Amino acid sequence: MLKIQRSSNSGVLFTLIGRIEIEDIAELQRLLSLEEPGSPMALDLEEVTLIDRDAVKFLARCEAGSIKLENCPAYIRQWIGRERAPK
């Protein structure tokens, strides 16, 4: 189960807590699409406990689209790198 907390200061920060699975991606996309286009956005992954491959691909797309990944655990960072690597 994924819990999402939104906060804003100089940009929008979504803190993700728990598991990120394929079922959560649509909700994350919806929340991101509701934000003002061009405003700085970030996803805080410090409290993510488990992630699946579809979620990793989603995070890679977010980062490529200028959404910052904050407090990204090393194993997720490495997995994103492997997903981006040419096959």
PDB file of N, CA and C in Angstrom:
ATOM      1  N   MET A   1       0.839  -1.186   0.000  1.00  0.00           N
ATOM      2  CA  MET A   1       0.000   0.000   0.000  1.00  0.00           C
ATOM      3  C   MET A   1       0.879   1.242   0.000  1.00  0.00           C
ATOM      4  N   LEU A   2       0.477   2.220  -0.786  1.00  0.00           N
ATOM      5  CA  LEU A   2       1.240   3.459  -0.912  1.00  0.00           C
ATOM      6  C   LEU A   2       0.472   4.608  -0.283  1.00  0.00           C
ATOM      7  N   LYS A   3       1.158   5.381   0.511  1.00  0.00           N
ATOM      8  CA  LYS A   3       0.609   6.610   1.078  1.00  0.00           C
ATOM      9  C   LYS A   3       1.339   7.766   0.406  1.00  0.00           C
ATOM     10  N   ILE A   4       0.584   8.785   0.013  1.00  0.00           N
ATOM     11  CA  ILE A   4       1.158   9.942  -0.680  1.00  0.00           C
ATOM     12  C   ILE A   4       0.815  11.190   0.114  1.00  0.00           C
ATOM     13  N   GLN A   5       1.850  11.953   0.462  1.00  0.00           N
ATOM     14  CA  GLN A   5       1.650  13.227   1.154  1.00  0.00           C
ATOM     15  C   GLN A   5       2.171  14.338   0.261  1.00  0.00           C
ATOM     16  N   ARG A   6       1.376  15.380   0.112  1.00  0.00           N
ATOM     17  CA  ARG A   6       1.760  16.522  -0.717  1.00  0.00           C
ATOM     18  C   ARG A   6       2.095  17.706   0.171  1.00  0.00           C
ATOM     19  N   SER A   7       3.176  18.376  -0.165  1.00  0.00           N
ATOM     20  CA  SER A   7       3.515  19.630   0.507  1.00  0.00           C
ATOM     21  C   SER A   7       4.073  20.583  -0.541  1.00  0.00           C
ATOM     22  N   SER A   8       4.030  21.862  -0.224  1.00  0.00           N
ATOM     23  CA  SER A   8       4.572  22.845  -1.167  1.00  0.00           C
ATOM     24  C   SER A   8       5.258  23.948  -0.398  1.00  0.00           C
ATOM     25  N   ASN A   9       6.299  24.417  -1.002  1.00  0.00           N
ATOM     26  CA  ASN A   9       7.059  25.540  -0.456  1.00  0.00           C
ATOM     27  C   ASN A   9       7.537  26.331  -1.663  1.00  0.00           C
ATOM     28  N   SER A  10       8.727  26.041  -2.136  1.00  0.00           N
ATOM     29  CA  SER A  10       9.208  26.685  -3.354  1.00  0.00           C
ATOM     30  C   SER A  10       8.869  25.827  -4.568  1.00  0.00           C
ATOM     31  N   GLY A  11       8.218  24.712  -4.351  1.00  0.00           N
ATOM     32  CA  GLY A  11       7.783  23.790  -5.388  1.00  0.00           C
ATOM     33  C   GLY A  11       6.863  22.780  -4.726  1.00  0.00           C
ATOM     34  N   VAL A  12       6.536  21.743  -5.441  1.00  0.00           N
ATOM     35  CA  VAL A  12       5.642  20.715  -4.907  1.00  0.00           C
ATOM     36  C   VAL A  12       6.459  19.472  -4.607  1.00  0.00           C
ATOM     37  N   LEU A  13       6.251  18.927  -3.417  1.00  0.00           N
ATOM     38  CA  LEU A  13       6.939  17.718  -2.998  1.00  0.00           C
ATOM     39  C   LEU A  13       5.893  16.668  -2.639  1.00  0.00           C
ATOM     40  N   PHE A  14       5.994  15.507  -3.288  1.00  0.00           N
ATOM     41  CA  PHE A  14       5.158  14.368  -2.935  1.00  0.00           C
ATOM     42  C   PHE A  14       6.034  13.385  -2.187  1.00  0.00           C
ATOM     43  N   THR A  15       5.701  13.126  -0.932  1.00  0.00           N
ATOM     44  CA  THR A  15       6.414  12.134  -0.136  1.00  0.00           C
ATOM     45  C   THR A  15       5.684  10.812  -0.307  1.00  0.00           C
ATOM     46  N   LEU A  16       6.415   9.805  -0.764  1.00  0.00           N
ATOM     47  CA  LEU A  16       5.838   8.489  -1.008  1.00  0.00           C
ATOM     48  C   LEU A  16       6.254   7.561   0.126  1.00  0.00           C
ATOM     49  N   ILE A  17       5.282   6.888   0.720  1.00  0.00           N
ATOM     50  CA  ILE A  17       5.532   6.043   1.884  1.00  0.00           C
ATOM     51  C   ILE A  17       4.945   4.656   1.620  1.00  0.00           C
ATOM     52  N   GLY A  18       5.787   3.638   1.725  1.00  0.00           N
ATOM     53  CA  GLY A  18       5.322   2.264   1.560  1.00  0.00           C
ATOM     54  C   GLY A  18       5.751   1.661   0.241  1.00  0.00           C
ATOM     55  N   ARG A  19       4.868   0.853  -0.323  1.00  0.00           N
ATOM     56  CA  ARG A  19       5.139   0.121  -1.557  1.00  0.00           C
ATOM     57  C   ARG A  19       4.621   0.888  -2.770  1.00  0.00           C
ATOM     58  N   ILE A  20       5.417   0.933  -3.826  1.00  0.00           N
ATOM     59  CA  ILE A  20       4.955   1.506  -5.090  1.00  0.00           C
ATOM     60  C   ILE A  20       4.812   0.350  -6.066  1.00  0.00           C
ATOM     61  N   GLU A  21       3.577   0.107  -6.479  1.00  0.00           N
ATOM     62  CA  GLU A  21       3.297  -0.984  -7.405  1.00  0.00           C
ATOM     63  C   GLU A  21       2.551  -0.451  -8.612  1.00  0.00           C
ATOM     64  N   ILE A  22       2.370  -1.289  -9.601  1.00  0.00           N
ATOM     65  CA  ILE A  22       1.749  -0.867 -10.853  1.00  0.00           C
ATOM     66  C   ILE A  22       0.389  -0.192 -10.617  1.00  0.00           C
ATOM     67  N   GLU A  23      -0.345  -0.645  -9.627  1.00  0.00           N
ATOM     68  CA  GLU A  23      -1.667  -0.080  -9.347  1.00  0.00           C
ATOM     69  C   GLU A  23      -1.583   1.378  -8.882  1.00  0.00           C
ATOM     70  N   ASP A  24      -0.442   1.789  -8.370  1.00  0.00           N
ATOM     71  CA  ASP A  24      -0.278   3.145  -7.839  1.00  0.00           C
ATOM     72  C   ASP A  24       0.138   4.163  -8.902  1.00  0.00           C
ATOM     73  N   ILE A  25       0.618   3.687 -10.025  1.00  0.00           N
ATOM     74  CA  ILE A  25       1.173   4.584 -11.035  1.00  0.00           C
ATOM     75  C   ILE A  25       0.114   5.523 -11.603  1.00  0.00           C
ATOM     76  N   ALA A  26      -1.068   5.028 -11.884  1.00  0.00           N
ATOM     77  CA  ALA A  26      -2.137   5.878 -12.434  1.00  0.00           C
ATOM     78  C   ALA A  26      -2.471   7.022 -11.479  1.00  0.00           C
ATOM     79  N   GLU A  27      -2.550   6.729 -10.187  1.00  0.00           N
ATOM     80  CA  GLU A  27      -2.856   7.776  -9.200  1.00  0.00           C
ATOM     81  C   GLU A  27      -1.718   8.795  -9.130  1.00  0.00           C
ATOM     82  N   LEU A  28      -0.490   8.329  -9.159  1.00  0.00           N
ATOM     83  CA  LEU A  28       0.651   9.260  -9.154  1.00  0.00           C
ATOM     84  C   LEU A  28       0.637  10.145 -10.395  1.00  0.00           C
ATOM     85  N   GLN A  29       0.371   9.557 -11.552  1.00  0.00           N
ATOM     86  CA  GLN A  29       0.294  10.348 -12.783  1.00  0.00           C
ATOM     87  C   GLN A  29      -0.813  11.387 -12.693  1.00  0.00           C
ATOM     88  N   ARG A  30      -1.950  10.994 -12.137  1.00  0.00           N
ATOM     89  CA  ARG A  30      -3.080  11.925 -11.998  1.00  0.00           C
ATOM     90  C   ARG A  30      -2.701  13.098 -11.098  1.00  0.00           C
ATOM     91  N   LEU A  31      -2.075  12.802  -9.958  1.00  0.00           N
ATOM     92  CA  LEU A  31      -1.680  13.862  -9.031  1.00  0.00           C
ATOM     93  C   LEU A  31      -0.653  14.802  -9.662  1.00  0.00           C
ATOM     94  N   LEU A  32       0.306  14.248 -10.372  1.00  0.00           N
ATOM     95  CA  LEU A  32       1.314  15.085 -11.020  1.00  0.00           C
ATOM     96  C   LEU A  32       0.689  15.963 -12.103  1.00  0.00           C
ATOM     97  N   SER A  33      -0.298  15.434 -12.814  1.00  0.00           N
ATOM     98  CA  SER A  33      -0.936  16.197 -13.894  1.00  0.00           C
ATOM     99  C   SER A  33      -1.790  17.351 -13.366  1.00  0.00           C
ATOM    100  N   LEU A  34      -2.192  17.295 -12.105  1.00  0.00           N
ATOM    101  CA  LEU A  34      -3.003  18.363 -11.516  1.00  0.00           C
ATOM    102  C   LEU A  34      -2.179  19.587 -11.138  1.00  0.00           C
ATOM    103  N   GLU A  35      -0.869  19.436 -11.103  1.00  0.00           N
ATOM    104  CA  GLU A  35      -0.001  20.545 -10.705  1.00  0.00           C
ATOM    105  C   GLU A  35       0.194  21.522 -11.859  1.00  0.00           C
ATOM    106  N   GLU A  36       0.538  22.746 -11.506  1.00  0.00           N
ATOM    107  CA  GLU A  36       0.779  23.800 -12.486  1.00  0.00           C
ATOM    108  C   GLU A  36       1.926  23.393 -13.415  1.00  0.00           C
ATOM    109  N   PRO A  37       1.697  23.402 -14.728  1.00  0.00           N
ATOM    110  CA  PRO A  37       2.769  23.041 -15.658  1.00  0.00           C
ATOM    111  C   PRO A  37       3.989  23.947 -15.464  1.00  0.00           C
ATOM    112  N   GLY A  38       5.147  23.335 -15.453  1.00  0.00           N
ATOM    113  CA  GLY A  38       6.394  24.091 -15.306  1.00  0.00           C
ATOM    114  C   GLY A  38       6.803  24.362 -13.876  1.00  0.00           C
ATOM    115  N   SER A  39       5.938  24.075 -12.907  1.00  0.00           N
ATOM    116  CA  SER A  39       6.329  24.306 -11.512  1.00  0.00           C
ATOM    117  C   SER A  39       7.274  23.190 -11.066  1.00  0.00           C
ATOM    118  N   PRO A  40       8.249  23.523 -10.217  1.00  0.00           N
ATOM    119  CA  PRO A  40       9.183  22.501  -9.756  1.00  0.00           C
ATOM    120  C   PRO A  40       8.467  21.427  -8.944  1.00  0.00           C
ATOM    121  N   MET A  41       8.769  20.173  -9.274  1.00  0.00           N
ATOM    122  CA  MET A  41       8.163  19.055  -8.559  1.00  0.00           C
ATOM    123  C   MET A  41       9.238  18.057  -8.166  1.00  0.00           C
ATOM    124  N   ALA A  42       8.973  17.370  -7.061  1.00  0.00           N
ATOM    125  CA  ALA A  42       9.910  16.342  -6.587  1.00  0.00           C
ATOM    126  C   ALA A  42       9.119  15.223  -5.922  1.00  0.00           C
ATOM    127  N   LEU A  43       9.720  14.038  -5.974  1.00  0.00           N
ATOM    128  CA  LEU A  43       9.185  12.873  -5.272  1.00  0.00           C
ATOM    129  C   LEU A  43      10.207  12.476  -4.221  1.00  0.00           C
ATOM    130  N   ASP A  44       9.779  12.420  -2.967  1.00  0.00           N
ATOM    131  CA  ASP A  44      10.662  12.006  -1.877  1.00  0.00           C
ATOM    132  C   ASP A  44      10.455  10.504  -1.671  1.00  0.00           C
ATOM    133  N   LEU A  45      11.527   9.743  -1.893  1.00  0.00           N
ATOM    134  CA  LEU A  45      11.436   8.280  -1.852  1.00  0.00           C
ATOM    135  C   LEU A  45      12.047   7.677  -0.594  1.00  0.00           C
ATOM    136  N   GLU A  46      12.366   8.505   0.393  1.00  0.00           N
ATOM    137  CA  GLU A  46      13.057   8.024   1.589  1.00  0.00           C
ATOM    138  C   GLU A  46      12.304   6.895   2.300  1.00  0.00           C
ATOM    139  N   GLU A  47      10.976   6.965   2.307  1.00  0.00           N
ATOM    140  CA  GLU A  47      10.202   5.980   3.053  1.00  0.00           C
ATOM    141  C   GLU A  47       9.565   4.906   2.173  1.00  0.00           C
ATOM    142  N   VAL A  48      10.094   4.758   0.953  1.00  0.00           N
ATOM    143  CA  VAL A  48       9.620   3.690   0.076  1.00  0.00           C
ATOM    144  C   VAL A  48      10.247   2.384   0.551  1.00  0.00           C
ATOM    145  N   THR A  49       9.406   1.371   0.751  1.00  0.00           N
ATOM    146  CA  THR A  49       9.896   0.093   1.275  1.00  0.00           C
ATOM    147  C   THR A  49      10.022  -0.983   0.210  1.00  0.00           C
ATOM    148  N   LEU A  50       9.244  -0.878  -0.860  1.00  0.00           N
ATOM    149  CA  LEU A  50       9.268  -1.880  -1.912  1.00  0.00           C
ATOM    150  C   LEU A  50       8.799  -1.225  -3.200  1.00  0.00           C
ATOM    151  N   ILE A  51       9.346  -1.693  -4.313  1.00  0.00           N
ATOM    152  CA  ILE A  51       9.001  -1.101  -5.607  1.00  0.00           C
ATOM    153  C   ILE A  51       9.038  -2.206  -6.655  1.00  0.00           C
ATOM    154  N   ASP A  52       8.167  -2.117  -7.652  1.00  0.00           N
ATOM    155  CA  ASP A  52       8.219  -3.114  -8.724  1.00  0.00           C
ATOM    156  C   ASP A  52       8.777  -2.478  -9.994  1.00  0.00           C
ATOM    157  N   ARG A  53       8.982  -3.297 -11.010  1.00  0.00           N
ATOM    158  CA  ARG A  53       9.648  -2.835 -12.231  1.00  0.00           C
ATOM    159  C   ARG A  53       8.861  -1.732 -12.937  1.00  0.00           C
ATOM    160  N   ASP A  54       7.546  -1.848 -12.977  1.00  0.00           N
ATOM    161  CA  ASP A  54       6.731  -0.810 -13.616  1.00  0.00           C
ATOM    162  C   ASP A  54       6.901   0.528 -12.903  1.00  0.00           C
ATOM    163  N   ALA A  55       7.000   0.492 -11.596  1.00  0.00           N
ATOM    164  CA  ALA A  55       7.204   1.717 -10.821  1.00  0.00           C
ATOM    165  C   ALA A  55       8.579   2.309 -11.097  1.00  0.00           C
ATOM    166  N   VAL A  56       9.585   1.454 -11.255  1.00  0.00           N
ATOM    167  CA  VAL A  56      10.935   1.940 -11.586  1.00  0.00           C
ATOM    168  C   VAL A  56      10.919   2.637 -12.937  1.00  0.00           C
ATOM    169  N   LYS A  57      10.255   2.045 -13.909  1.00  0.00           N
ATOM    170  CA  LYS A  57      10.148   2.677 -15.226  1.00  0.00           C
ATOM    171  C   LYS A  57       9.422   4.017 -15.130  1.00  0.00           C
ATOM    172  N   PHE A  58       8.382   4.078 -14.314  1.00  0.00           N
ATOM    173  CA  PHE A  58       7.654   5.327 -14.104  1.00  0.00           C
ATOM    174  C   PHE A  58       8.566   6.392 -13.497  1.00  0.00           C
ATOM    175  N   LEU A  59       9.339   6.018 -12.483  1.00  0.00           N
ATOM    176  CA  LEU A  59      10.258   6.977 -11.851  1.00  0.00           C
ATOM    177  C   LEU A  59      11.310   7.457 -12.840  1.00  0.00           C
ATOM    178  N   ALA A  60      11.793   6.574 -13.695  1.00  0.00           N
ATOM    179  CA  ALA A  60      12.769   6.972 -14.720  1.00  0.00           C
ATOM    180  C   ALA A  60      12.148   7.997 -15.667  1.00  0.00           C
ATOM    181  N   ARG A  61      10.887   7.788 -16.049  1.00  0.00           N
ATOM    182  CA  ARG A  61      10.199   8.755 -16.920  1.00  0.00           C
ATOM    183  C   ARG A  61       9.997  10.088 -16.197  1.00  0.00           C
ATOM    184  N   CYS A  62       9.654  10.022 -14.911  1.00  0.00           N
ATOM    185  CA  CYS A  62       9.480  11.250 -14.128  1.00  0.00           C
ATOM    186  C   CYS A  62      10.779  12.060 -14.122  1.00  0.00           C
ATOM    187  N   GLU A  63      11.873  11.377 -13.826  1.00  0.00           N
ATOM    188  CA  GLU A  63      13.165  12.057 -13.743  1.00  0.00           C
ATOM    189  C   GLU A  63      13.562  12.635 -15.103  1.00  0.00           C
ATOM    190  N   ALA A  64      13.302  11.895 -16.168  1.00  0.00           N
ATOM    191  CA  ALA A  64      13.597  12.393 -17.513  1.00  0.00           C
ATOM    192  C   ALA A  64      12.742  13.613 -17.838  1.00  0.00           C
ATOM    193  N   GLY A  65      11.566  13.702 -17.214  1.00  0.00           N
ATOM    194  CA  GLY A  65      10.666  14.833 -17.423  1.00  0.00           C
ATOM    195  C   GLY A  65      10.874  15.946 -16.420  1.00  0.00           C
ATOM    196  N   SER A  66      12.022  15.976 -15.782  1.00  0.00           N
ATOM    197  CA  SER A  66      12.470  17.022 -14.854  1.00  0.00           C
ATOM    198  C   SER A  66      11.791  17.005 -13.476  1.00  0.00           C
ATOM    199  N   ILE A  67      11.243  15.872 -13.090  1.00  0.00           N
ATOM    200  CA  ILE A  67      10.752  15.717 -11.721  1.00  0.00           C
ATOM    201  C   ILE A  67      11.904  15.143 -10.912  1.00  0.00           C
ATOM    202  N   LYS A  68      12.280  15.834  -9.877  1.00  0.00           N
ATOM    203  CA  LYS A  68      13.432  15.428  -9.076  1.00  0.00           C
ATOM    204  C   LYS A  68      13.062  14.259  -8.162  1.00  0.00           C
ATOM    205  N   LEU A  69      13.987  13.299  -8.038  1.00  0.00           N
ATOM    206  CA  LEU A  69      13.816  12.188  -7.105  1.00  0.00           C
ATOM    207  C   LEU A  69      14.702  12.467  -5.900  1.00  0.00           C
ATOM    208  N   GLU A  70      14.088  12.771  -4.780  1.00  0.00           N
ATOM    209  CA  GLU A  70      14.840  13.087  -3.566  1.00  0.00           C
ATOM    210  C   GLU A  70      14.928  11.864  -2.663  1.00  0.00           C
ATOM    211  N   ASN A  71      16.041  11.762  -1.937  1.00  0.00           N
ATOM    212  CA  ASN A  71      16.259  10.671  -0.986  1.00  0.00           C
ATOM    213  C   ASN A  71      16.008   9.304  -1.624  1.00  0.00           C
ATOM    214  N   CYS A  72      16.485   9.164  -2.838  1.00  0.00           N
ATOM    215  CA  CYS A  72      16.278   7.931  -3.596  1.00  0.00           C
ATOM    216  C   CYS A  72      17.231   6.852  -3.086  1.00  0.00           C
ATOM    217  N   PRO A  73      16.702   5.730  -2.576  1.00  0.00           N
ATOM    218  CA  PRO A  73      17.576   4.656  -2.108  1.00  0.00           C
ATOM    219  C   PRO A  73      18.500   4.159  -3.225  1.00  0.00           C
ATOM    220  N   ALA A  74      19.685   3.718  -2.844  1.00  0.00           N
ATOM    221  CA  ALA A  74      20.696   3.296  -3.817  1.00  0.00           C
ATOM    222  C   ALA A  74      20.181   2.179  -4.722  1.00  0.00           C
ATOM    223  N   TYR A  75      19.442   1.234  -4.161  1.00  0.00           N
ATOM    224  CA  TYR A  75      18.988   0.117  -5.001  1.00  0.00           C
ATOM    225  C   TYR A  75      18.002   0.583  -6.067  1.00  0.00           C
ATOM    226  N   ILE A  76      17.187   1.592  -5.756  1.00  0.00           N
ATOM    227  CA  ILE A  76      16.263   2.142  -6.757  1.00  0.00           C
ATOM    228  C   ILE A  76      17.043   2.917  -7.797  1.00  0.00           C
ATOM    229  N   ARG A  77      18.016   3.701  -7.371  1.00  0.00           N
ATOM    230  CA  ARG A  77      18.853   4.471  -8.292  1.00  0.00           C
ATOM    231  C   ARG A  77      19.562   3.538  -9.275  1.00  0.00           C
ATOM    232  N   GLN A  78      20.118   2.439  -8.766  1.00  0.00           N
ATOM    233  CA  GLN A  78      20.800   1.473  -9.628  1.00  0.00           C
ATOM    234  C   GLN A  78      19.822   0.816 -10.597  1.00  0.00           C
ATOM    235  N   TRP A  79      18.649   0.489 -10.120  1.00  0.00           N
ATOM    236  CA  TRP A  79      17.634  -0.135 -10.963  1.00  0.00           C
ATOM    237  C   TRP A  79      17.188   0.813 -12.079  1.00  0.00           C
ATOM    238  N   ILE A  80      17.013   2.076 -11.756  1.00  0.00           N
ATOM    239  CA  ILE A  80      16.663   3.072 -12.768  1.00  0.00           C
ATOM    240  C   ILE A  80      17.769   3.119 -13.823  1.00  0.00           C
ATOM    241  N   GLY A  81      19.023   3.117 -13.388  1.00  0.00           N
ATOM    242  CA  GLY A  81      20.153   3.124 -14.313  1.00  0.00           C
ATOM    243  C   GLY A  81      20.144   1.919 -15.243  1.00  0.00           C
ATOM    244  N   ARG A  82      19.826   0.756 -14.707  1.00  0.00           N
ATOM    245  CA  ARG A  82      19.754  -0.453 -15.551  1.00  0.00           C
ATOM    246  C   ARG A  82      18.607  -0.379 -16.546  1.00  0.00           C
ATOM    247  N   GLU A  83      17.494   0.210 -16.145  1.00  0.00           N
ATOM    248  CA  GLU A  83      16.351   0.343 -17.053  1.00  0.00           C
ATOM    249  C   GLU A  83      16.658   1.305 -18.195  1.00  0.00           C
ATOM    250  N   ARG A  84      17.478   2.304 -17.933  1.00  0.00           N
ATOM    251  CA  ARG A  84      17.836   3.291 -18.950  1.00  0.00           C
ATOM    252  C   ARG A  84      18.930   2.787 -19.883  1.00  0.00           C
ATOM    253  N   ALA A  85      19.715   1.837 -19.432  1.00  0.00           N
ATOM    254  CA  ALA A  85      20.853   1.349 -20.223  1.00  0.00           C
ATOM    255  C   ALA A  85      20.353   0.704 -21.523  1.00  0.00           C
ATOM    256  N   PRO A  86      21.082   0.949 -22.612  1.00  0.00           N
ATOM    257  CA  PRO A  86      20.695   0.317 -23.880  1.00  0.00           C
ATOM    258  C   PRO A  86      20.775  -1.201 -23.755  1.00  0.00           C
ATOM    259  N   LYS A  87      19.837  -1.855 -24.391  1.00  0.00           N
ATOM    260  CA  LYS A  87      19.778  -3.323 -24.289  1.00  0.00           C
ATOM    261  C   LYS A  87      20.220  -3.983 -25.560  1.00  0.00           C
TER     262      LYS A  87
END
